[in-house]
Amino acid sequence: MKKLLFLFALIISSCSSFKSGLTIPANETFILGESNSKNYSAELVNTSNNEVKIRGEKKQNGEYTQGFGLAPKGKATVYVSSDEIIKFINENNESIKVDVKLNKAVPGMRYIKN
């Protein structure tokens, strides 16, 4: 019985995801995954009325790896390798809100001015 409960708890913990509402102030960039060491995916939903740019870069040298503009009310999934960071770039004069659902915890995040 104890083994069955342990197995059930292990399955539930491995199926967890992390959801957060992200607000990016006007003319700022949010950087995700600077301290991350594992691959992950993120489901994104732009709940704002302005586009936000999504840009993937290599941690070591800032080399462009992937990117797109996430349209207002748009949805997308990004697959991020362990050696990448993802930037959410807000070039608008008002805040942007993005719902982010990560398939695992991702350490290392901060804001910078554009």
Protein backbone atom coordinates (compact mmCIF):
# COMPACT_ATOMS: atom_id res chain seq x y z
CA MET A 1 0.00 0.00 0.00
CA LYS A 2 2.84 2.41 0.87
CA LYS A 3 4.49 1.70 -2.49
CA LEU A 4 1.22 2.47 -4.30
CA LEU A 5 0.81 5.78 -2.45
CA PHE A 6 4.43 6.73 -3.19
CA LEU A 7 3.98 5.92 -6.89
CA PHE A 8 0.75 7.96 -7.01
CA ALA A 9 2.47 10.95 -5.35
CA LEU A 10 5.38 10.68 -7.79
CA ILE A 11 3.05 10.68 -10.80
CA ILE A 12 1.12 13.71 -9.54
CA SER A 13 4.29 15.69 -8.81
CA SER A 14 5.74 14.94 -12.25
CA CYS A 15 2.57 16.18 -13.98
CA SER A 16 2.61 19.59 -12.35
CA SER A 17 2.97 22.83 -14.23
CA PHE A 18 3.54 26.42 -13.19
CA LYS A 19 1.16 29.15 -14.33
CA SER A 20 1.70 32.83 -13.83
CA GLY A 21 0.36 36.14 -15.05
CA LEU A 22 3.28 38.22 -16.27
CA THR A 23 3.06 42.01 -16.52
CA ILE A 24 5.77 43.71 -18.58
CA PRO A 25 5.91 47.46 -17.96
CA ALA A 26 6.04 49.89 -20.89
CA ASN A 27 9.38 49.88 -22.74
CA GLU A 28 10.86 47.10 -20.61
CA THR A 29 12.00 43.54 -21.25
CA PHE A 30 11.41 40.50 -19.05
CA ILE A 31 14.16 37.86 -19.20
CA LEU A 32 13.27 34.26 -18.29
CA GLY A 33 15.63 31.35 -17.56
CA GLU A 34 19.03 32.90 -16.86
CA SER A 35 19.74 30.37 -14.08
CA ASN A 36 17.92 27.47 -15.72
CA SER A 37 19.81 24.26 -16.55
CA LYS A 38 17.07 22.11 -18.15
CA ASN A 39 14.92 22.19 -21.28
CA TYR A 40 11.36 23.43 -20.78
CA SER A 41 8.29 24.60 -22.65
CA ALA A 42 6.03 27.60 -22.09
CA GLU A 43 2.48 28.16 -23.28
CA LEU A 44 1.92 31.89 -23.82
CA VAL A 45 -1.30 33.89 -24.12
CA ASN A 46 -1.07 37.63 -24.75
CA THR A 47 -4.08 39.04 -22.89
CA SER A 48 -3.24 42.64 -23.89
CA ASN A 49 -4.20 44.85 -26.80
CA ASN A 50 -0.60 45.27 -28.05
CA GLU A 51 2.00 42.92 -29.52
CA VAL A 52 4.89 41.62 -27.42
CA LYS A 53 8.09 40.35 -29.03
CA ILE A 54 9.37 36.94 -27.93
CA ARG A 55 13.09 36.39 -28.53
CA GLY A 56 15.26 33.38 -27.69
CA GLU A 57 19.01 33.88 -27.25
CA LYS A 58 22.00 31.72 -26.32
CA LYS A 59 23.08 32.41 -22.73
CA GLN A 60 26.78 32.37 -23.61
CA ASN A 61 26.86 34.95 -26.41
CA GLY A 62 23.37 36.42 -26.96
CA GLU A 63 23.09 34.77 -30.38
CA TYR A 64 19.51 34.79 -31.74
CA THR A 65 17.90 31.31 -31.63
CA GLN A 66 14.18 31.91 -32.17
CA GLY A 67 11.60 34.65 -32.09
CA PHE A 68 8.25 36.01 -33.16
CA GLY A 69 5.72 38.70 -32.37
CA LEU A 70 2.88 37.51 -30.15
CA ALA A 71 -0.18 39.37 -31.39
CA PRO A 72 -2.85 40.82 -29.12
CA LYS A 73 -4.95 37.94 -27.73
CA GLY A 74 -2.53 35.55 -29.49
CA LYS A 75 -1.41 32.14 -28.23
CA ALA A 76 1.85 30.25 -28.78
CA THR A 77 4.05 27.54 -27.30
CA VAL A 78 7.82 27.99 -27.03
CA TYR A 79 10.31 25.17 -26.56
CA VAL A 80 13.42 26.37 -24.78
CA SER A 81 16.74 24.52 -24.47
CA SER A 82 18.88 24.60 -21.35
CA ASP A 83 21.37 27.01 -22.94
CA GLU A 84 18.74 29.61 -23.94
CA ILE A 85 16.99 32.54 -22.32
CA ILE A 86 13.67 33.93 -23.49
CA LYS A 87 13.05 37.67 -23.65
CA PHE A 88 9.57 39.20 -23.57
CA ILE A 89 10.15 42.61 -25.19
CA ASN A 90 7.54 45.34 -24.70
CA GLU A 91 8.23 48.24 -27.06
CA ASN A 92 4.84 49.83 -26.36
CA ASN A 93 4.00 52.84 -24.18
CA GLU A 94 1.74 50.78 -21.93
CA SER A 95 2.06 47.55 -19.94
CA ILE A 96 1.55 44.16 -21.55
CA LYS A 97 0.06 41.15 -19.77
CA VAL A 98 0.95 37.60 -20.77
CA ASP A 99 -0.31 34.39 -19.18
CA VAL A 100 2.59 31.94 -18.99
CA LYS A 101 2.23 28.22 -18.24
CA LEU A 102 5.57 26.47 -17.75
CA ASN A 103 5.92 22.69 -17.75
CA LYS A 104 8.45 22.97 -14.86
CA ALA A 105 9.88 25.57 -12.52
CA VAL A 106 12.34 27.87 -14.29
CA PRO A 107 14.82 29.82 -12.12
CA GLY A 108 16.39 33.12 -13.08
CA MET A 109 14.20 36.02 -14.16
CA ARG A 110 14.45 39.80 -14.15
CA TYR A 111 13.36 43.02 -15.88
CA ILE A 112 15.59 45.42 -17.85
CA LYS A 113 14.91 48.77 -19.52
CA ASN A 114 14.81 48.74 -23.34
